[in-house]
Amino acid sequence: MQLNDRLIGALAICGGVAIIVGTLGFRELPGQQFGSAFFPRIVGTALILTGAVMLAMRADGPWLRLPALLRGAAKWQVTAALASVIGWVVVSPYLGFIATTTLMIWILILVAGGRLVPAALTALVMACLLYLVFGILLRVPLPFGAIERFLT
């Protein structure tokens, strides 16, 4: 997706303002010359100035141009990837990490044109590998379901 420089400048200004507003509640550090909000405010100000320059520059063309990827059949793959993230967040508290991740990976492989059985095996192996790395080795708290209760 190609964004016009003016749109990027407007987004940079909004981001800079949001950073500065977010620092208004930061407290001053006693005995320090600069408080905890000093450097984030510098970044916010730099974003605002950069965005203003980008808005002032002449930029021809539409504000937003969709690439060919989002016009053809691949738009369904992009839509499936975005929907799977939302679906994972909604479903994982009920099914647990392994079942939800297996289902999500399996559906994404099928949408991309994969075959049914190899996709299922790949999804299951990847979900178990991710659970091993994040849930066991790195001790990231993952959603528990029936499979995770059986494993512990």
N, C-alpha and C. Protein backbone atom coordinates (compact mmCIF):
# COMPACT_ATOMS: atom_id res chain seq x y z
N MET A 1 0.84 -1.15 0.00
CA MET A 1 0.00 0.00 0.00
C MET A 1 0.90 1.23 0.00
N GLN A 2 0.63 2.14 -0.88
CA GLN A 2 1.42 3.35 -0.96
C GLN A 2 0.60 4.51 -0.41
N LEU A 3 1.18 5.18 0.57
CA LEU A 3 0.52 6.33 1.17
C LEU A 3 1.18 7.61 0.65
N ASN A 4 0.38 8.59 0.43
CA ASN A 4 0.89 9.89 0.02
C ASN A 4 1.69 10.49 1.18
N ASP A 5 2.73 11.25 0.85
CA ASP A 5 3.56 11.87 1.89
C ASP A 5 2.75 12.79 2.80
N ARG A 6 1.73 13.43 2.25
CA ARG A 6 0.90 14.30 3.09
C ARG A 6 0.16 13.49 4.16
N LEU A 7 -0.31 12.31 3.79
CA LEU A 7 -1.00 11.47 4.76
C LEU A 7 -0.03 10.98 5.84
N ILE A 8 1.16 10.61 5.44
CA ILE A 8 2.17 10.18 6.42
C ILE A 8 2.52 11.35 7.34
N GLY A 9 2.63 12.56 6.79
CA GLY A 9 2.89 13.74 7.61
C GLY A 9 1.79 14.00 8.62
N ALA A 10 0.54 13.84 8.18
CA ALA A 10 -0.58 14.04 9.11
C ALA A 10 -0.55 12.98 10.22
N LEU A 11 -0.22 11.75 9.86
CA LEU A 11 -0.12 10.70 10.88
C LEU A 11 1.03 10.96 11.83
N ALA A 12 2.14 11.50 11.32
CA ALA A 12 3.28 11.83 12.18
C ALA A 12 2.91 12.93 13.17
N ILE A 13 2.17 13.91 12.72
CA ILE A 13 1.72 14.99 13.62
C ILE A 13 0.81 14.41 14.70
N CYS A 14 -0.13 13.55 14.31
CA CYS A 14 -1.02 12.94 15.31
C CYS A 14 -0.23 12.10 16.32
N GLY A 15 0.77 11.36 15.83
CA GLY A 15 1.60 10.57 16.73
C GLY A 15 2.40 11.44 17.67
N GLY A 16 2.97 12.53 17.17
CA GLY A 16 3.73 13.45 18.02
C GLY A 16 2.87 14.08 19.09
N VAL A 17 1.67 14.49 18.71
CA VAL A 17 0.76 15.07 19.71
C VAL A 17 0.38 14.02 20.74
N ALA A 18 0.14 12.78 20.31
CA ALA A 18 -0.22 11.73 21.25
C ALA A 18 0.92 11.43 22.22
N ILE A 19 2.16 11.46 21.74
CA ILE A 19 3.30 11.23 22.62
C ILE A 19 3.41 12.34 23.66
N ILE A 20 3.27 13.58 23.22
CA ILE A 20 3.39 14.71 24.16
C ILE A 20 2.26 14.68 25.18
N VAL A 21 1.03 14.41 24.72
CA VAL A 21 -0.10 14.33 25.65
C VAL A 21 0.11 13.17 26.63
N GLY A 22 0.67 12.07 26.16
CA GLY A 22 0.93 10.93 27.03
C GLY A 22 1.95 11.23 28.12
N THR A 23 2.83 12.20 27.89
CA THR A 23 3.85 12.52 28.89
C THR A 23 3.39 13.55 29.91
N LEU A 24 2.20 14.08 29.76
CA LEU A 24 1.74 15.12 30.69
C LEU A 24 1.59 14.59 32.11
N GLY A 25 1.34 13.30 32.25
CA GLY A 25 1.17 12.72 33.59
C GLY A 25 2.47 12.22 34.20
N PHE A 26 3.59 12.33 33.46
CA PHE A 26 4.86 11.85 34.00
C PHE A 26 5.30 12.76 35.14
N ARG A 27 5.87 12.17 36.15
CA ARG A 27 6.30 12.96 37.31
C ARG A 27 7.75 13.41 37.13
N GLU A 28 8.09 14.47 37.81
CA GLU A 28 9.46 14.96 37.80
C GLU A 28 10.31 14.10 38.72
N LEU A 29 11.55 13.89 38.35
CA LEU A 29 12.46 13.10 39.18
C LEU A 29 13.25 14.04 40.08
N PRO A 30 13.15 13.87 41.39
CA PRO A 30 13.87 14.77 42.29
C PRO A 30 15.38 14.64 42.11
N GLY A 31 16.04 15.77 42.06
CA GLY A 31 17.49 15.79 41.94
C GLY A 31 17.99 15.63 40.52
N GLN A 32 17.09 15.51 39.55
CA GLN A 32 17.49 15.35 38.15
C GLN A 32 17.21 16.63 37.39
N GLN A 33 18.10 16.96 36.48
CA GLN A 33 17.92 18.17 35.69
C GLN A 33 16.79 17.99 34.67
N PHE A 34 16.68 16.78 34.12
CA PHE A 34 15.63 16.51 33.14
C PHE A 34 14.72 15.43 33.70
N GLY A 35 13.41 15.63 33.54
CA GLY A 35 12.44 14.68 34.04
C GLY A 35 12.25 13.52 33.08
N SER A 36 11.36 12.61 33.46
CA SER A 36 11.12 11.42 32.65
C SER A 36 10.39 11.73 31.35
N ALA A 37 9.79 12.90 31.24
CA ALA A 37 9.06 13.27 30.03
C ALA A 37 9.91 14.02 29.03
N PHE A 38 11.16 14.33 29.37
CA PHE A 38 11.99 15.19 28.52
C PHE A 38 12.24 14.57 27.14
N PHE A 39 12.79 13.36 27.10
CA PHE A 39 13.12 12.75 25.82
C PHE A 39 11.90 12.33 25.00
N PRO A 40 10.84 11.80 25.61
CA PRO A 40 9.64 11.54 24.81
C PRO A 40 9.06 12.81 24.19
N ARG A 41 9.15 13.92 24.90
CA ARG A 41 8.66 15.18 24.33
C ARG A 41 9.53 15.66 23.17
N ILE A 42 10.83 15.38 23.24
CA ILE A 42 11.70 15.71 22.11
C ILE A 42 11.29 14.89 20.89
N VAL A 43 11.03 13.61 21.10
CA VAL A 43 10.60 12.74 19.99
C VAL A 43 9.26 13.22 19.44
N GLY A 44 8.33 13.57 20.33
CA GLY A 44 7.02 14.07 19.89
C GLY A 44 7.14 15.35 19.09
N THR A 45 7.99 16.26 19.56
CA THR A 45 8.20 17.52 18.85
C THR A 45 8.83 17.27 17.48
N ALA A 46 9.79 16.35 17.43
CA ALA A 46 10.43 16.01 16.15
C ALA A 46 9.41 15.42 15.17
N LEU A 47 8.52 14.58 15.67
CA LEU A 47 7.47 14.03 14.82
C LEU A 47 6.55 15.11 14.29
N ILE A 48 6.18 16.06 15.14
CA ILE A 48 5.30 17.14 14.71
C ILE A 48 5.98 18.00 13.66
N LEU A 49 7.24 18.35 13.88
CA LEU A 49 7.96 19.17 12.91
C LEU A 49 8.15 18.43 11.59
N THR A 50 8.51 17.17 11.65
CA THR A 50 8.68 16.38 10.43
C THR A 50 7.36 16.25 9.68
N GLY A 51 6.29 16.00 10.41
CA GLY A 51 4.98 15.91 9.78
C GLY A 51 4.55 17.21 9.14
N ALA A 52 4.86 18.35 9.79
CA ALA A 52 4.52 19.65 9.22
C ALA A 52 5.28 19.89 7.92
N VAL A 53 6.55 19.51 7.88
CA VAL A 53 7.32 19.66 6.65
C VAL A 53 6.75 18.77 5.56
N MET A 54 6.37 17.54 5.92
CA MET A 54 5.80 16.64 4.91
C MET A 54 4.46 17.14 4.40
N LEU A 55 3.68 17.78 5.27
CA LEU A 55 2.41 18.35 4.82
C LEU A 55 2.62 19.55 3.91
N ALA A 56 3.67 20.31 4.17
CA ALA A 56 3.93 21.52 3.38
C ALA A 56 4.51 21.19 2.01
N MET A 57 5.16 20.04 1.89
CA MET A 57 5.76 19.68 0.60
C MET A 57 4.68 19.34 -0.41
N ARG A 58 5.00 19.60 -1.66
CA ARG A 58 4.06 19.28 -2.73
C ARG A 58 4.12 17.79 -3.00
N ALA A 59 2.97 17.15 -2.95
CA ALA A 59 2.89 15.71 -3.23
C ALA A 59 1.72 15.47 -4.16
N ASP A 60 2.02 14.97 -5.33
CA ASP A 60 0.96 14.70 -6.31
C ASP A 60 0.45 13.29 -6.15
N GLY A 61 -0.72 13.08 -6.66
CA GLY A 61 -1.28 11.73 -6.65
C GLY A 61 -2.33 11.55 -5.58
N PRO A 62 -2.92 10.38 -5.56
CA PRO A 62 -3.97 10.11 -4.57
C PRO A 62 -3.37 9.94 -3.17
N TRP A 63 -4.22 10.10 -2.16
CA TRP A 63 -3.78 9.96 -0.78
C TRP A 63 -3.42 8.51 -0.47
N LEU A 64 -4.10 7.58 -1.12
CA LEU A 64 -3.88 6.17 -0.85
C LEU A 64 -3.97 5.39 -2.16
N ARG A 65 -2.97 4.54 -2.42
CA ARG A 65 -2.97 3.73 -3.63
C ARG A 65 -2.78 2.27 -3.22
N LEU A 66 -3.77 1.46 -3.56
CA LEU A 66 -3.70 0.04 -3.21
C LEU A 66 -2.84 -0.69 -4.23
N PRO A 67 -1.92 -1.52 -3.78
CA PRO A 67 -1.10 -2.27 -4.72
C PRO A 67 -1.89 -3.39 -5.37
N ALA A 68 -1.31 -3.99 -6.38
CA ALA A 68 -1.98 -5.08 -7.09
C ALA A 68 -2.27 -6.25 -6.17
N LEU A 69 -1.46 -6.41 -5.12
CA LEU A 69 -1.65 -7.51 -4.18
C LEU A 69 -3.04 -7.46 -3.54
N LEU A 70 -3.54 -6.28 -3.27
CA LEU A 70 -4.83 -6.16 -2.60
C LEU A 70 -6.00 -6.08 -3.59
N ARG A 71 -5.72 -6.18 -4.88
CA ARG A 71 -6.79 -6.12 -5.86
C ARG A 71 -7.19 -7.49 -6.40
N GLY A 72 -6.28 -8.42 -6.41
CA GLY A 72 -6.54 -9.73 -7.01
C GLY A 72 -7.06 -10.73 -6.00
N ALA A 73 -6.79 -11.99 -6.30
CA ALA A 73 -7.25 -13.08 -5.43
C ALA A 73 -6.51 -13.08 -4.10
N ALA A 74 -5.32 -12.48 -4.05
CA ALA A 74 -4.53 -12.47 -2.81
C ALA A 74 -5.16 -11.60 -1.74
N LYS A 75 -6.15 -10.79 -2.10
CA LYS A 75 -6.80 -9.96 -1.08
C LYS A 75 -7.47 -10.83 -0.02
N TRP A 76 -7.88 -12.04 -0.40
CA TRP A 76 -8.50 -12.93 0.58
C TRP A 76 -7.47 -13.48 1.54
N GLN A 77 -6.23 -13.65 1.08
CA GLN A 77 -5.17 -14.10 1.97
C GLN A 77 -4.82 -13.01 2.98
N VAL A 78 -4.78 -11.77 2.52
CA VAL A 78 -4.52 -10.66 3.42
C VAL A 78 -5.65 -10.52 4.42
N THR A 79 -6.88 -10.64 3.96
CA THR A 79 -8.04 -10.57 4.84
C THR A 79 -8.02 -11.72 5.86
N ALA A 80 -7.66 -12.90 5.42
CA ALA A 80 -7.60 -14.05 6.33
C ALA A 80 -6.53 -13.86 7.39
N ALA A 81 -5.40 -13.28 7.02
CA ALA A 81 -4.34 -13.04 8.00
C ALA A 81 -4.80 -12.06 9.07
N LEU A 82 -5.45 -10.98 8.66
CA LEU A 82 -5.95 -10.01 9.64
C LEU A 82 -7.07 -10.59 10.49
N ALA A 83 -7.97 -11.32 9.86
CA ALA A 83 -9.08 -11.93 10.61
C ALA A 83 -8.57 -13.00 11.58
N SER A 84 -7.50 -13.70 11.22
CA SER A 84 -6.99 -14.73 12.11
C SER A 84 -6.41 -14.14 13.39
N VAL A 85 -5.81 -12.97 13.30
CA VAL A 85 -5.29 -12.31 14.50
C VAL A 85 -6.44 -11.94 15.43
N ILE A 86 -7.48 -11.35 14.87
CA ILE A 86 -8.66 -10.99 15.67
C ILE A 86 -9.32 -12.25 16.23
N GLY A 87 -9.46 -13.26 15.39
CA GLY A 87 -10.06 -14.51 15.84
C GLY A 87 -9.26 -15.17 16.94
N TRP A 88 -7.93 -15.13 16.85
CA TRP A 88 -7.09 -15.74 17.87
C TRP A 88 -7.30 -15.06 19.21
N VAL A 89 -7.39 -13.73 19.20
CA VAL A 89 -7.58 -12.98 20.45
C VAL A 89 -8.93 -13.32 21.07
N VAL A 90 -9.95 -13.50 20.25
CA VAL A 90 -11.29 -13.78 20.76
C VAL A 90 -11.42 -15.24 21.23
N VAL A 91 -10.87 -16.18 20.47
CA VAL A 91 -11.10 -17.60 20.72
C VAL A 91 -10.12 -18.21 21.73
N SER A 92 -8.89 -17.73 21.78
CA SER A 92 -7.86 -18.38 22.59
C SER A 92 -8.18 -18.47 24.09
N PRO A 93 -8.87 -17.52 24.70
CA PRO A 93 -9.20 -17.73 26.11
C PRO A 93 -10.10 -18.93 26.36
N TYR A 94 -10.85 -19.36 25.35
CA TYR A 94 -11.77 -20.48 25.52
C TYR A 94 -11.14 -21.81 25.12
N LEU A 95 -10.41 -21.83 24.00
CA LEU A 95 -9.82 -23.08 23.52
C LEU A 95 -8.41 -23.32 24.05
N GLY A 96 -7.70 -22.26 24.41
CA GLY A 96 -6.32 -22.40 24.84
C GLY A 96 -5.36 -22.12 23.69
N PHE A 97 -4.09 -22.02 24.04
CA PHE A 97 -3.09 -21.61 23.06
C PHE A 97 -2.88 -22.64 21.96
N ILE A 98 -2.68 -23.88 22.32
CA ILE A 98 -2.32 -24.89 21.31
C ILE A 98 -3.46 -25.11 20.32
N ALA A 99 -4.67 -25.30 20.81
CA ALA A 99 -5.80 -25.56 19.91
C ALA A 99 -6.08 -24.36 19.00
N THR A 100 -6.07 -23.15 19.57
CA THR A 100 -6.36 -21.97 18.78
C THR A 100 -5.27 -21.71 17.75
N THR A 101 -4.02 -21.85 18.15
CA THR A 101 -2.92 -21.60 17.23
C THR A 101 -2.90 -22.66 16.12
N THR A 102 -3.16 -23.91 16.47
CA THR A 102 -3.23 -24.95 15.44
C THR A 102 -4.32 -24.63 14.43
N LEU A 103 -5.49 -24.27 14.91
CA LEU A 103 -6.61 -23.93 14.03
C LEU A 103 -6.28 -22.74 13.15
N MET A 104 -5.68 -21.71 13.73
CA MET A 104 -5.36 -20.51 12.97
C MET A 104 -4.33 -20.81 11.87
N ILE A 105 -3.26 -21.51 12.22
CA ILE A 105 -2.23 -21.82 11.23
C ILE A 105 -2.80 -22.72 10.14
N TRP A 106 -3.63 -23.69 10.52
CA TRP A 106 -4.22 -24.60 9.55
C TRP A 106 -5.10 -23.85 8.54
N ILE A 107 -5.92 -22.96 9.04
CA ILE A 107 -6.79 -22.19 8.15
C ILE A 107 -5.95 -21.30 7.22
N LEU A 108 -4.91 -20.66 7.76
CA LEU A 108 -4.08 -19.80 6.91
C LEU A 108 -3.36 -20.60 5.83
N ILE A 109 -2.90 -21.79 6.15
CA ILE A 109 -2.25 -22.63 5.13
C ILE A 109 -3.26 -23.04 4.06
N LEU A 110 -4.48 -23.38 4.47
CA LEU A 110 -5.50 -23.76 3.49
C LEU A 110 -5.88 -22.59 2.60
N VAL A 111 -5.99 -21.40 3.17
CA VAL A 111 -6.32 -20.21 2.38
C VAL A 111 -5.21 -19.91 1.38
N ALA A 112 -3.97 -20.21 1.76
CA ALA A 112 -2.84 -19.97 0.87
C ALA A 112 -2.70 -21.05 -0.20
N GLY A 113 -3.54 -22.08 -0.16
CA GLY A 113 -3.52 -23.10 -1.19
C GLY A 113 -2.88 -24.41 -0.78
N GLY A 114 -2.66 -24.61 0.50
CA GLY A 114 -2.04 -25.84 0.98
C GLY A 114 -3.02 -27.00 0.97
N ARG A 115 -2.48 -28.22 1.09
CA ARG A 115 -3.32 -29.42 1.11
C ARG A 115 -3.77 -29.70 2.54
N LEU A 116 -4.87 -30.41 2.67
CA LEU A 116 -5.56 -30.59 3.95
C LEU A 116 -4.71 -31.28 5.02
N VAL A 117 -4.23 -32.48 4.76
CA VAL A 117 -3.51 -33.26 5.77
C VAL A 117 -2.13 -32.67 6.08
N PRO A 118 -1.31 -32.33 5.08
CA PRO A 118 -0.02 -31.71 5.42
C PRO A 118 -0.19 -30.39 6.16
N ALA A 119 -1.24 -29.66 5.83
CA ALA A 119 -1.49 -28.39 6.53
C ALA A 119 -1.82 -28.63 7.98
N ALA A 120 -2.62 -29.65 8.26
CA ALA A 120 -2.98 -29.97 9.64
C ALA A 120 -1.76 -30.40 10.45
N LEU A 121 -0.92 -31.25 9.85
CA LEU A 121 0.28 -31.69 10.56
C LEU A 121 1.25 -30.54 10.80
N THR A 122 1.43 -29.70 9.81
CA THR A 122 2.31 -28.54 9.96
C THR A 122 1.79 -27.61 11.04
N ALA A 123 0.48 -27.37 11.04
CA ALA A 123 -0.11 -26.47 12.04
C ALA A 123 0.06 -27.02 13.45
N LEU A 124 -0.14 -28.32 13.62
CA LEU A 124 0.00 -28.93 14.94
C LEU A 124 1.44 -28.88 15.43
N VAL A 125 2.39 -29.19 14.56
CA VAL A 125 3.80 -29.16 14.94
C VAL A 125 4.22 -27.72 15.28
N MET A 126 3.81 -26.76 14.48
CA MET A 126 4.18 -25.36 14.74
C MET A 126 3.57 -24.86 16.05
N ALA A 127 2.32 -25.20 16.31
CA ALA A 127 1.68 -24.76 17.55
C ALA A 127 2.38 -25.37 18.77
N CYS A 128 2.73 -26.64 18.69
CA CYS A 128 3.44 -27.28 19.80
C CYS A 128 4.83 -26.68 19.99
N LEU A 129 5.51 -26.40 18.89
CA LEU A 129 6.82 -25.78 18.97
C LEU A 129 6.74 -24.38 19.58
N LEU A 130 5.74 -23.61 19.17
CA LEU A 130 5.56 -22.28 19.75
C LEU A 130 5.22 -22.37 21.24
N TYR A 131 4.41 -23.35 21.62
CA TYR A 131 4.08 -23.53 23.04
C TYR A 131 5.33 -23.91 23.83
N LEU A 132 6.16 -24.76 23.25
CA LEU A 132 7.39 -25.15 23.93
C LEU A 132 8.31 -23.96 24.14
N VAL A 133 8.49 -23.16 23.08
CA VAL A 133 9.41 -22.02 23.18
C VAL A 133 8.86 -20.95 24.12
N PHE A 134 7.63 -20.52 23.88
CA PHE A 134 7.10 -19.38 24.64
C PHE A 134 6.53 -19.79 26.00
N GLY A 135 5.76 -20.86 26.02
CA GLY A 135 5.11 -21.25 27.26
C GLY A 135 6.02 -21.92 28.27
N ILE A 136 6.93 -22.76 27.79
CA ILE A 136 7.77 -23.52 28.72
C ILE A 136 9.15 -22.88 28.89
N LEU A 137 9.85 -22.63 27.79
CA LEU A 137 11.20 -22.10 27.90
C LEU A 137 11.23 -20.64 28.36
N LEU A 138 10.42 -19.79 27.73
CA LEU A 138 10.43 -18.36 28.08
C LEU A 138 9.42 -18.00 29.16
N ARG A 139 8.59 -18.95 29.54
CA ARG A 139 7.60 -18.76 30.61
C ARG A 139 6.64 -17.58 30.37
N VAL A 140 6.24 -17.42 29.12
CA VAL A 140 5.24 -16.42 28.78
C VAL A 140 3.87 -16.97 29.17
N PRO A 141 3.07 -16.21 29.90
CA PRO A 141 1.74 -16.74 30.26
C PRO A 141 0.84 -16.81 29.03
N LEU A 142 0.51 -18.03 28.63
CA LEU A 142 -0.33 -18.27 27.46
C LEU A 142 -1.70 -18.73 27.91
N PRO A 143 -2.72 -18.53 27.07
CA PRO A 143 -4.07 -18.98 27.44
C PRO A 143 -4.14 -20.49 27.63
N PHE A 144 -4.76 -20.91 28.71
CA PHE A 144 -4.88 -22.33 29.03
C PHE A 144 -6.19 -22.87 28.51
N GLY A 145 -6.13 -24.07 28.00
CA GLY A 145 -7.30 -24.78 27.55
C GLY A 145 -7.21 -26.23 27.98
N ALA A 146 -7.99 -27.08 27.38
CA ALA A 146 -8.01 -28.51 27.75
C ALA A 146 -6.68 -29.18 27.47
N ILE A 147 -6.05 -28.84 26.37
CA ILE A 147 -4.78 -29.48 26.01
C ILE A 147 -3.69 -29.07 26.99
N GLU A 148 -3.62 -27.81 27.34
CA GLU A 148 -2.61 -27.33 28.27
C GLU A 148 -2.83 -27.91 29.67
N ARG A 149 -4.07 -28.08 30.08
CA ARG A 149 -4.34 -28.70 31.38
C ARG A 149 -3.89 -30.16 31.39
N PHE A 150 -4.03 -30.84 30.26
CA PHE A 150 -3.59 -32.23 30.14
C PHE A 150 -2.08 -32.32 30.19
N LEU A 151 -1.38 -31.34 29.62
CA LEU A 151 0.08 -31.36 29.58
C LEU A 151 0.71 -31.03 30.93
N THR A 152 0.03 -30.29 31.77
CA THR A 152 0.63 -29.89 33.05
C THR A 152 0.21 -30.79 34.18
